[in-house]
Amino acid sequence: MPIRLGNNIASINARRYLNQNSADFAKRVERLSSGLRINRGADDAAGLSVSEGMRSSILGLRQGASNAEQGMNLIQLAEGSLNEVSSMLLRMRELAVQSANSTINDSNREGLSAEFNQLSSEIDRIALSTTYNDQILLTGFGNSVSQTRTVTTALDGFSGVKEINISGAVQGTYTFTDDDTGDNQITLSITQEDGTVLMQSIDVGSPLDRDGTGAMVATGTTFIANFDRLGVQATLVGPDVDYTDTFKTRDSPIVDVNIYIGEEVVPISAGQDLEDIAEDLNAVLSASDPPGQASVEEVGGVNEIQVFVNGQTLLEVPEGALGLTPANFYTDGRLDGKRIYVTESDGGILQVGPNNDSAHRIAVNIGDMRASGPELNLTGLSVANLESARSVISRVDSAILVVTRQRGDLGAIQNRLQFTSNNLENAIENLSAAESAIRDADVAEEISNFTRAQILTQASTAMIAQANSLPQSALQLLQ
């Protein structure tokens, strides 16, 4: 190799390697100091993008697990209060049974009535004071079913539905399809805002009895139609179960009949057609306070008069001449076209996942558990006399059933949240492992590369010193 004085090629070459080795050495020091293989986009652009997405999901999952834990705490608080409500309802029933006995007189019943009223007031107080983070839980929490009969037409008193409960049902209008009176099938569906249709069909044939008009819920019994995939449960009733303010008939009278509605009388002529009868009844009912309604509707291909008296008394003279009977019992086909409207609430939604998607949320629904509310419906009850005490027993039984069902729903959701929390913890562990494989440094590999870079840096530095001394040998040629 010739000796050149203008450029020291050996030194330049050694310096280039020193720069490379110094940069590699600095990278190894950075990775060992941070514990990360990717500290900036230049280290691995694709890996950084993937790992950042995973980090975002992991943080969302961790918060989701925390939300699930808080949800369980909320449910435990509500269920604990309902436990006391249930105890008070049992005591109220005990007082009603005691008051219904003829061995005590009305003076004795005054003390029973005082305790009964105090317990009813305490149920209301507990419902109003059960709060979680300033949110009242027992006066209606989460999505709820509209009780307006013109909105939720399944509760109009003519469909055979006594009550509707929801557990995780989404907001919107649900529609029943029950057009075939012989298939024993009921379908419930809802179309969401994004166009997605949720639908479930169930077979109700096994609990139904057969009579001359078709399949019906047996007299004196109830049946819960559970649309579990939609989170909706409808309680169907048979005859002699739900005596509401609704009546129906499909026959024209064969004799003249007077229909007494409150203090008003509606004369009906023998052979008068259904439309005219409904029009005459509706003229009186619509003017009453509160107003009622009468109309002709087609059910299962047959027209019938449907009468809603809304608290007014109704009497036929001669009795049974028009054939009006209590209307709210289920026969196959009566639910066709009926609707359920679920209203949305700010509360009752637990975000248990990292994304804005319905699959990452769990709905918690708690009904109105006040004694004066529409679900327990204990307003106006009294055990102050024998007859009223006897009627109280069945009303309190219904309230106990409502509270028991609500506690069961809360227990089911609490168990679900426990499994949700376990799944989230498992997902966090596995996703963290995947993110670590992409982003974290392999310490053994980095130590090896660090040692290599350190030795090469020292060697490059020494070689620059040797290369810089090479041109000095030209001085010896000048001697």
Protein backbone atom coordinates (compact mmCIF):
# COMPACT_ATOMS: atom_id res chain seq x y z
CA MET A 1 0.00 0.00 0.00
CA PRO A 2 1.61 3.35 -1.03
CA ILE A 3 2.25 6.08 1.50
CA ARG A 4 0.05 9.12 0.82
CA LEU A 5 0.10 12.40 2.71
CA GLY A 6 -2.98 14.10 1.17
CA ASN A 7 -5.54 11.56 2.51
CA ASN A 8 -5.11 8.99 5.23
CA ILE A 9 -7.40 6.30 3.85
CA ALA A 10 -6.74 3.87 6.70
CA SER A 11 -7.73 6.51 9.25
CA ILE A 12 -10.84 7.42 7.33
CA ASN A 13 -11.84 3.74 7.15
CA ALA A 14 -11.20 3.23 10.87
CA ARG A 15 -13.17 6.37 11.69
CA ARG A 16 -16.14 5.09 9.63
CA TYR A 17 -16.17 1.85 11.57
CA LEU A 18 -15.80 3.76 14.83
CA ASN A 19 -18.92 5.79 14.01
CA GLN A 20 -20.88 2.64 13.18
CA ASN A 21 -19.71 0.85 16.31
CA SER A 22 -20.38 3.90 18.48
CA ALA A 23 -23.95 4.18 17.13
CA ASP A 24 -24.55 0.46 17.70
CA PHE A 25 -23.05 0.77 21.19
CA ALA A 26 -25.37 3.72 21.99
CA LYS A 27 -28.38 1.74 20.72
CA ARG A 28 -27.50 -1.22 22.97
CA VAL A 29 -27.06 1.09 25.96
CA GLU A 30 -30.48 2.68 25.24
CA ARG A 31 -32.24 -0.68 24.94
CA LEU A 32 -30.65 -2.06 28.08
CA SER A 33 -31.48 1.15 29.96
CA SER A 34 -35.13 1.25 28.84
CA GLY A 35 -35.73 -2.47 28.58
CA LEU A 36 -37.40 -1.86 25.20
CA ARG A 37 -36.37 -3.00 21.76
CA ILE A 38 -38.51 -0.27 20.14
CA ASN A 39 -37.89 3.20 21.58
CA ARG A 40 -38.73 5.22 18.48
CA GLY A 41 -40.34 4.69 15.11
CA ALA A 42 -36.96 4.22 13.40
CA ASP A 43 -36.29 1.11 15.47
CA ASP A 44 -39.22 -0.80 13.90
CA ALA A 45 -41.99 1.22 12.24
CA ALA A 46 -44.39 -1.70 11.76
CA GLY A 47 -43.69 -3.13 15.20
CA LEU A 48 -44.29 0.27 16.81
CA SER A 49 -47.69 0.59 15.10
CA VAL A 50 -48.79 -2.88 16.19
CA SER A 51 -47.53 -2.52 19.76
CA GLU A 52 -49.17 0.90 20.24
CA GLY A 53 -52.51 -0.58 19.22
CA MET A 54 -51.99 -3.43 21.66
CA ARG A 55 -51.05 -1.00 24.44
CA SER A 56 -54.27 0.91 23.82
CA SER A 57 -56.31 -2.30 24.04
CA ILE A 58 -54.51 -3.41 27.20
CA LEU A 59 -55.23 -0.13 28.95
CA GLY A 60 -58.89 -0.37 27.85
CA LEU A 61 -59.12 -3.95 29.10
CA ARG A 62 -57.64 -2.97 32.46
CA GLN A 63 -60.17 -0.20 32.86
CA GLY A 64 -62.92 -2.56 31.71
CA ALA A 65 -61.94 -5.01 34.46
CA SER A 66 -62.08 -2.15 36.94
CA ASN A 67 -65.50 -1.13 35.61
CA ALA A 68 -66.76 -4.70 35.99
CA GLU A 69 -65.56 -4.74 39.60
CA GLN A 70 -67.36 -1.45 40.28
CA GLY A 71 -70.47 -2.86 38.59
CA MET A 72 -70.44 -5.82 40.97
CA ASN A 73 -70.16 -3.43 43.89
CA LEU A 74 -73.16 -1.47 42.60
CA ILE A 75 -75.22 -4.65 42.22
CA GLN A 76 -74.26 -5.83 45.71
CA LEU A 77 -75.48 -2.53 47.13
CA ALA A 78 -78.81 -2.75 45.30
CA GLU A 79 -79.32 -6.42 46.14
CA GLY A 80 -78.58 -5.80 49.82
CA SER A 81 -81.30 -3.15 49.96
CA LEU A 82 -83.74 -5.43 48.13
CA ASN A 83 -83.04 -8.10 50.72
CA GLU A 84 -84.47 -5.77 53.37
CA VAL A 85 -87.39 -4.85 51.09
CA SER A 86 -88.14 -8.55 50.71
CA SER A 87 -88.11 -9.00 54.50
CA MET A 88 -90.52 -6.11 54.92
CA LEU A 89 -92.87 -7.49 52.28
CA LEU A 90 -92.92 -10.84 54.07
CA ARG A 91 -93.81 -9.04 57.29
CA MET A 92 -96.55 -7.08 55.48
CA ARG A 93 -98.00 -10.33 54.20
CA GLU A 94 -97.90 -11.74 57.70
CA LEU A 95 -99.83 -8.71 58.96
CA ALA A 96 -102.38 -9.09 56.15
CA VAL A 97 -102.94 -12.76 56.99
CA GLN A 98 -103.32 -11.88 60.67
CA SER A 99 -105.77 -9.09 59.87
CA ALA A 100 -107.77 -11.38 57.57
CA ASN A 101 -108.69 -13.57 60.54
CA SER A 102 -112.17 -13.11 62.05
CA THR A 103 -110.90 -13.61 65.61
CA ILE A 104 -109.80 -9.95 65.76
CA ASN A 105 -111.92 -6.84 65.33
CA ASP A 106 -111.29 -3.54 63.56
CA SER A 107 -109.96 -1.95 66.74
CA ASN A 108 -107.32 -4.68 66.93
CA ARG A 109 -106.52 -4.09 63.30
CA GLU A 110 -105.57 -0.46 63.89
CA GLY A 111 -102.19 -1.50 65.29
CA LEU A 112 -101.65 -3.90 62.41
CA SER A 113 -102.59 -1.18 59.95
CA ALA A 114 -100.17 1.30 61.53
CA GLU A 115 -97.25 -1.13 61.18
CA PHE A 116 -98.33 -2.06 57.65
CA ASN A 117 -98.34 1.59 56.56
CA GLN A 118 -94.99 2.26 58.23
CA LEU A 119 -93.41 -0.68 56.41
CA SER A 120 -94.80 0.55 53.11
CA SER A 121 -93.31 4.00 53.76
CA GLU A 122 -89.98 2.45 54.71
CA ILE A 123 -89.84 0.55 51.43
CA ASP A 124 -90.22 3.88 49.61
CA ARG A 125 -87.53 5.47 51.80
CA ILE A 126 -85.05 2.65 51.17
CA ALA A 127 -85.70 2.83 47.43
CA LEU A 128 -85.03 6.57 47.39
CA SER A 129 -81.94 6.40 49.62
CA THR A 130 -80.13 3.50 47.94
CA THR A 131 -77.53 5.39 45.92
CA TYR A 132 -74.19 4.64 44.29
CA ASN A 133 -72.07 7.68 43.44
CA ASP A 134 -75.17 9.91 43.76
CA GLN A 135 -77.22 7.69 41.43
CA ILE A 136 -80.49 6.39 42.87
CA LEU A 137 -80.70 2.67 42.07
CA LEU A 138 -84.13 1.44 43.15
CA THR A 139 -86.45 3.94 41.48
CA GLY A 140 -85.58 2.70 37.99
CA PHE A 141 -81.97 2.28 36.88
CA GLY A 142 -80.98 1.56 33.32
CA ASN A 143 -83.24 0.92 30.36
CA SER A 144 -86.89 0.38 31.20
CA VAL A 145 -90.12 -0.67 29.52
CA SER A 146 -92.60 2.13 28.87
CA GLN A 147 -95.78 1.42 30.83
CA THR A 148 -97.94 3.62 28.58
CA ARG A 149 -100.46 1.23 27.02
CA THR A 150 -100.62 3.17 23.75
CA VAL A 151 -96.82 2.97 23.39
CA THR A 152 -96.13 -0.51 24.75
CA THR A 153 -99.22 -2.04 23.20
CA ALA A 154 -98.36 -5.48 24.58
CA LEU A 155 -99.53 -4.05 27.93
CA ASP A 156 -102.83 -2.74 26.59
CA GLY A 157 -104.77 -5.40 28.52
CA PHE A 158 -105.89 -7.37 25.45
CA SER A 159 -102.77 -9.34 24.53
CA GLY A 160 -102.60 -11.69 27.51
CA VAL A 161 -99.39 -10.09 28.85
CA LYS A 162 -99.44 -9.18 32.53
CA GLU A 163 -95.94 -7.73 32.82
CA ILE A 164 -92.71 -7.35 30.88
CA ASN A 165 -89.24 -7.51 32.39
CA ILE A 166 -85.94 -6.76 30.69
CA SER A 167 -82.38 -7.72 31.47
CA GLY A 168 -79.82 -6.17 29.15
CA ALA A 169 -82.36 -5.27 26.45
CA VAL A 170 -81.25 -2.50 24.09
CA GLN A 171 -83.28 0.66 23.55
CA GLY A 172 -85.90 0.67 20.81
CA THR A 173 -89.24 -0.74 19.70
CA TYR A 174 -89.70 -4.52 19.77
CA THR A 175 -92.48 -6.05 17.67
CA PHE A 176 -94.23 -9.39 18.16
CA THR A 177 -95.11 -11.66 15.26
CA ASP A 178 -97.86 -14.13 16.21
CA ASP A 179 -99.94 -14.36 13.05
CA ASP A 180 -100.35 -18.13 12.83
CA THR A 181 -102.88 -19.26 15.42
CA GLY A 182 -101.86 -22.90 15.13
CA ASP A 183 -98.04 -22.94 15.15
CA ASN A 184 -97.49 -22.17 18.87
CA GLN A 185 -94.65 -19.84 17.86
CA ILE A 186 -94.01 -16.27 19.05
CA THR A 187 -91.35 -14.12 17.40
CA LEU A 188 -89.94 -10.90 18.86
CA SER A 189 -87.74 -8.60 16.79
CA ILE A 190 -86.14 -5.16 16.85
CA THR A 191 -84.43 -3.15 14.11
CA GLN A 192 -81.55 -1.10 15.50
CA GLU A 193 -80.44 2.33 14.27
CA ASP A 194 -77.66 0.82 12.13
CA GLY A 195 -80.18 -1.44 10.36
CA THR A 196 -79.22 -4.59 12.28
CA VAL A 197 -82.25 -6.80 12.96
CA LEU A 198 -82.27 -8.78 16.21
CA MET A 199 -84.86 -11.56 16.28
CA GLN A 200 -85.78 -14.59 18.34
CA SER A 201 -88.59 -17.13 18.03
CA ILE A 202 -89.73 -19.38 20.87
CA ASP A 203 -92.13 -22.31 21.05
CA VAL A 204 -94.90 -21.85 23.61
CA GLY A 205 -96.83 -25.00 22.74
CA SER A 206 -96.02 -27.14 25.77
CA PRO A 207 -97.63 -24.88 28.42
CA LEU A 208 -100.73 -24.10 26.36
CA ASP A 209 -104.07 -25.85 26.67
CA ARG A 210 -106.55 -26.48 23.88
CA ASP A 211 -110.13 -25.26 23.95
CA GLY A 212 -112.74 -24.66 21.29
CA THR A 213 -111.01 -21.47 20.08
CA GLY A 214 -107.44 -22.74 19.97
CA ALA A 215 -104.37 -22.87 22.21
CA MET A 216 -104.38 -20.74 25.37
CA VAL A 217 -102.58 -20.41 28.67
CA ALA A 218 -104.39 -22.62 31.18
CA THR A 219 -106.96 -21.04 33.48
CA GLY A 220 -105.42 -19.66 36.67
CA THR A 221 -101.81 -20.10 35.48
CA THR A 222 -99.02 -17.96 34.07
CA PHE A 223 -96.20 -18.66 31.64
CA ILE A 224 -93.01 -16.65 31.12
CA ALA A 225 -92.06 -16.28 27.47
CA ASN A 226 -88.30 -15.81 27.80
CA PHE A 227 -86.60 -14.18 24.83
CA ASP A 228 -83.21 -14.61 26.45
CA ARG A 229 -81.11 -13.54 23.46
CA LEU A 230 -82.94 -10.20 23.41
CA GLY A 231 -83.10 -9.78 27.18
CA VAL A 232 -86.92 -9.64 27.30
CA GLN A 233 -89.29 -11.73 29.44
CA ALA A 234 -93.06 -11.46 28.95
CA THR A 235 -95.43 -12.99 31.52
CA LEU A 236 -98.40 -14.53 29.71
CA VAL A 237 -101.51 -15.24 31.76
CA GLY A 238 -104.55 -17.44 31.45
CA PRO A 239 -108.16 -16.67 32.40
CA ASP A 240 -108.93 -15.75 36.02
CA VAL A 241 -105.42 -14.40 36.67
CA ASP A 242 -105.31 -10.73 35.71
CA TYR A 243 -108.55 -8.83 36.28
CA THR A 244 -107.66 -5.56 34.60
CA ASP A 245 -109.90 -2.83 33.21
CA THR A 246 -110.31 -4.57 29.85
CA PHE A 247 -113.20 -6.59 28.48
CA LYS A 248 -113.99 -8.17 25.14
CA THR A 249 -116.82 -9.82 23.24
CA ARG A 250 -117.30 -11.22 19.74
CA ASP A 251 -121.08 -11.57 19.77
CA SER A 252 -123.97 -9.25 19.06
CA PRO A 253 -126.70 -9.50 21.73
CA ILE A 254 -129.81 -11.51 20.97
CA VAL A 255 -131.83 -9.35 23.38
CA ASP A 256 -131.82 -5.68 24.29
CA VAL A 257 -129.20 -4.91 26.93
CA ASN A 258 -128.17 -1.91 29.00
CA ILE A 259 -124.46 -1.36 29.69
CA TYR A 260 -123.82 0.70 32.84
CA ILE A 261 -120.46 2.52 32.82
CA GLY A 262 -120.13 4.31 36.13
CA GLU A 263 -123.30 6.34 36.39
CA GLU A 264 -123.92 6.38 32.63
CA VAL A 265 -126.03 3.86 30.74
CA VAL A 266 -125.56 2.73 27.13
CA PRO A 267 -128.60 0.98 25.57
CA ILE A 268 -127.73 -1.78 23.09
CA SER A 269 -130.36 -3.22 20.76
CA ALA A 270 -130.70 -6.90 19.93
CA GLY A 271 -128.74 -7.74 16.79
CA GLN A 272 -126.85 -4.43 16.74
CA ASP A 273 -123.55 -4.89 14.87
CA LEU A 274 -120.20 -4.74 16.63
CA GLU A 275 -119.05 -1.45 15.06
CA ASP A 276 -122.17 0.39 16.25
CA ILE A 277 -121.92 -1.13 19.73
CA ALA A 278 -118.27 -0.06 20.01
CA GLU A 279 -119.14 3.44 18.80
CA ASP A 280 -121.90 3.84 21.41
CA LEU A 281 -119.67 2.56 24.21
CA ASN A 282 -116.74 4.73 23.13
CA ALA A 283 -118.92 7.87 23.15
CA VAL A 284 -119.46 7.41 26.90
CA LEU A 285 -116.01 6.07 27.77
CA SER A 286 -114.09 8.81 25.97
CA ALA A 287 -116.03 11.45 27.91
CA SER A 288 -115.46 9.83 31.30
CA ASP A 289 -112.75 10.89 33.77
CA PRO A 290 -110.30 9.29 33.36
CA PRO A 291 -111.20 8.50 29.76
CA GLY A 292 -111.61 4.95 28.49
CA GLN A 293 -111.99 3.51 25.02
CA ALA A 294 -113.98 0.98 23.00
CA SER A 295 -113.10 -0.23 19.51
CA VAL A 296 -113.42 -3.17 17.15
CA GLU A 297 -110.19 -5.04 16.47
CA GLU A 298 -109.38 -8.10 14.40
CA VAL A 299 -107.73 -10.89 16.38
CA GLY A 300 -106.92 -14.17 14.68
CA GLY A 301 -109.11 -13.27 11.75
CA VAL A 302 -112.17 -12.56 13.93
CA ASN A 303 -113.53 -9.14 14.90
CA GLU A 304 -114.11 -8.43 18.57
CA ILE A 305 -115.11 -5.43 20.67
CA GLN A 306 -112.34 -4.37 23.03
CA VAL A 307 -113.38 -2.20 25.97
CA PHE A 308 -110.98 -0.33 28.26
CA VAL A 309 -112.91 1.16 31.20
CA ASN A 310 -109.90 2.75 32.96
CA GLY A 311 -111.19 2.32 36.48
CA GLN A 312 -114.88 2.78 35.74
CA THR A 313 -117.35 0.11 36.82
CA LEU A 314 -119.02 -1.89 34.04
CA LEU A 315 -122.27 -3.82 34.42
CA GLU A 316 -124.50 -5.66 31.91
CA VAL A 317 -128.26 -5.83 32.43
CA PRO A 318 -129.36 -8.56 31.83
CA GLU A 319 -126.12 -10.06 33.08
CA GLY A 320 -124.07 -11.69 30.32
CA ALA A 321 -126.37 -10.52 27.55
CA LEU A 322 -123.55 -8.94 25.59
CA GLY A 323 -121.01 -11.57 26.63
CA LEU A 324 -118.35 -9.18 27.91
CA THR A 325 -115.54 -11.11 29.62
CA PRO A 326 -112.15 -10.11 31.07
CA ALA A 327 -109.89 -9.71 28.06
CA ASN A 328 -106.35 -10.07 29.32
CA PHE A 329 -105.49 -13.73 28.83
CA TYR A 330 -103.30 -15.21 26.13
CA THR A 331 -104.50 -17.32 23.25
CA ASP A 332 -102.32 -18.17 20.27
CA GLY A 333 -102.31 -15.19 17.89
CA ARG A 334 -103.24 -12.39 20.31
CA LEU A 335 -99.72 -10.91 20.39
CA ASP A 336 -99.42 -10.34 16.65
CA GLY A 337 -98.32 -6.77 15.92
CA LYS A 338 -98.07 -5.80 19.59
CA ARG A 339 -95.11 -3.63 20.55
CA ILE A 340 -92.72 -3.18 23.47
CA TYR A 341 -90.91 0.13 23.77
CA VAL A 342 -87.70 0.13 25.82
CA THR A 343 -86.61 3.61 26.85
CA GLU A 344 -82.94 4.46 27.20
CA SER A 345 -81.39 5.79 30.40
CA ASP A 346 -78.04 7.37 31.19
CA GLY A 347 -77.40 4.76 33.88
CA GLY A 348 -77.29 1.01 33.75
CA ILE A 349 -74.54 0.54 31.13
CA LEU A 350 -71.26 -1.03 32.21
CA GLN A 351 -68.36 -0.49 29.79
CA VAL A 352 -66.45 -3.73 30.27
CA GLY A 353 -64.38 -3.65 27.06
CA PRO A 354 -61.97 -1.28 25.30
CA ASN A 355 -64.12 -0.40 22.26
CA ASN A 356 -67.27 1.56 21.45
CA ASP A 357 -69.32 -1.49 20.56
CA SER A 358 -72.36 -3.18 22.08
CA ALA A 359 -70.33 -6.36 22.61
CA HIS A 360 -68.11 -4.40 25.00
CA ARG A 361 -71.01 -3.22 27.19
CA ILE A 362 -73.31 -4.96 29.66
CA ALA A 363 -76.69 -3.47 30.55
CA VAL A 364 -77.97 -3.53 34.14
CA ASN A 365 -81.69 -2.95 34.61
CA ILE A 366 -83.30 -2.35 37.98
CA GLY A 367 -87.00 -1.66 38.11
CA ASP A 368 -88.86 0.82 40.29
CA MET A 369 -88.86 -0.92 43.66
CA ARG A 370 -90.86 1.71 45.53
CA ALA A 371 -94.03 0.49 47.23
CA SER A 372 -95.82 3.32 45.47
CA GLY A 373 -94.23 2.46 42.11
CA PRO A 374 -95.94 0.71 39.21
CA GLU A 375 -94.09 -2.59 39.69
CA LEU A 376 -94.80 -3.31 43.37
CA ASN A 377 -98.10 -1.39 43.13
CA LEU A 378 -98.84 -1.32 46.87
CA THR A 379 -100.47 2.12 46.88
CA GLY A 380 -103.83 2.27 48.63
CA LEU A 381 -103.57 -1.10 50.38
CA SER A 382 -105.04 -1.40 53.85
CA VAL A 383 -105.41 -4.07 56.50
CA ALA A 384 -107.81 -1.94 58.55
CA ASN A 385 -110.78 -4.24 57.87
CA LEU A 386 -111.41 -7.86 57.08
CA GLU A 387 -112.24 -7.60 53.36
CA SER A 388 -109.39 -5.26 52.46
CA ALA A 389 -106.91 -7.41 54.39
CA ARG A 390 -107.89 -10.46 52.36
CA SER A 391 -107.37 -8.61 49.07
CA VAL A 392 -103.97 -7.38 50.27
CA ILE A 393 -102.54 -10.89 50.47
CA SER A 394 -102.48 -11.51 46.73
CA ARG A 395 -101.18 -7.99 46.01
CA VAL A 396 -98.29 -8.45 48.42
CA ASP A 397 -97.62 -11.89 46.93
CA SER A 398 -97.25 -10.25 43.53
CA ALA A 399 -94.86 -7.64 45.00
CA ILE A 400 -92.77 -10.36 46.64
CA LEU A 401 -92.53 -12.13 43.28
CA VAL A 402 -91.39 -8.90 41.59
CA VAL A 403 -88.67 -8.28 44.18
CA THR A 404 -87.55 -11.91 44.12
CA ARG A 405 -87.30 -11.86 40.33
CA GLN A 406 -85.34 -8.60 40.44
CA ARG A 407 -82.91 -10.03 43.00
CA GLY A 408 -82.48 -13.10 40.82
CA ASP A 409 -81.71 -10.92 37.80
CA LEU A 410 -79.14 -8.94 39.78
CA GLY A 411 -77.53 -12.14 41.04
CA ALA A 412 -77.32 -13.48 37.50
CA ILE A 413 -75.69 -10.27 36.26
CA GLN A 414 -73.26 -10.30 39.18
CA ASN A 415 -72.18 -13.85 38.34
CA ARG A 416 -71.85 -12.83 34.70
CA LEU A 417 -69.64 -9.89 35.66
CA GLN A 418 -67.40 -12.22 37.64
CA PHE A 419 -66.81 -14.33 34.54
CA THR A 420 -66.39 -11.13 32.52
CA SER A 421 -63.70 -9.95 34.92
CA ASN A 422 -61.91 -13.31 34.73
CA ASN A 423 -61.97 -13.19 30.93
CA LEU A 424 -60.62 -9.64 30.90
CA GLU A 425 -57.74 -10.56 33.18
CA ASN A 426 -56.91 -13.49 30.90
CA ALA A 427 -57.05 -11.23 27.84
CA ILE A 428 -54.80 -8.67 29.53
CA GLU A 429 -52.23 -11.35 30.33
CA ASN A 430 -52.16 -12.80 26.81
CA LEU A 431 -52.21 -9.45 25.04
CA SER A 432 -49.43 -8.15 27.29
CA ALA A 433 -47.35 -11.19 26.37
CA ALA A 434 -47.94 -10.51 22.68
CA GLU A 435 -47.04 -6.82 23.06
CA SER A 436 -43.92 -7.73 25.06
CA ALA A 437 -42.71 -10.05 22.32
CA ILE A 438 -42.88 -7.17 19.84
CA ARG A 439 -41.61 -4.25 21.92
CA ASP A 440 -39.53 -5.48 24.85
CA ALA A 441 -35.79 -6.03 24.55
CA ASP A 442 -34.25 -9.51 24.71
CA VAL A 443 -31.76 -8.81 27.49
CA ALA A 444 -29.50 -11.79 26.71
CA GLU A 445 -29.26 -10.78 23.06
CA GLU A 446 -28.73 -7.13 23.91
CA ILE A 447 -25.94 -7.96 26.41
CA SER A 448 -24.16 -9.96 23.72
CA ASN A 449 -24.53 -7.16 21.18
CA PHE A 450 -23.51 -4.60 23.81
CA THR A 451 -20.28 -6.49 24.55
CA ARG A 452 -19.55 -6.85 20.84
CA ALA A 453 -20.20 -3.14 20.19
CA GLN A 454 -18.07 -2.14 23.19
CA ILE A 455 -15.09 -4.22 22.02
CA LEU A 456 -15.40 -3.01 18.43
CA THR A 457 -15.62 0.62 19.58
CA GLN A 458 -12.45 0.26 21.63
CA ALA A 459 -10.71 -1.53 18.76
CA SER A 460 -11.81 1.14 16.26
CA THR A 461 -10.46 3.86 18.53
CA ALA A 462 -7.10 2.08 18.81
CA MET A 463 -6.92 1.54 15.04
CA ILE A 464 -7.52 5.23 14.34
CA ALA A 465 -4.48 5.99 16.51
CA GLN A 466 -2.44 3.44 14.55
CA ALA A 467 -3.69 4.75 11.19
CA ASN A 468 -2.85 8.33 12.16
CA SER A 469 0.76 7.33 12.88
CA LEU A 470 1.22 5.69 9.44
CA PRO A 471 2.07 8.93 7.46
CA GLN A 472 4.83 9.71 9.92
CA SER A 473 6.90 6.94 8.34
CA ALA A 474 7.35 9.23 5.33
CA LEU A 475 9.73 11.38 7.43
CA GLN A 476 12.16 8.51 7.59
CA LEU A 477 12.52 8.67 3.79
CA LEU A 478 13.65 12.30 4.09
CA GLN A 479 16.59 11.47 6.40
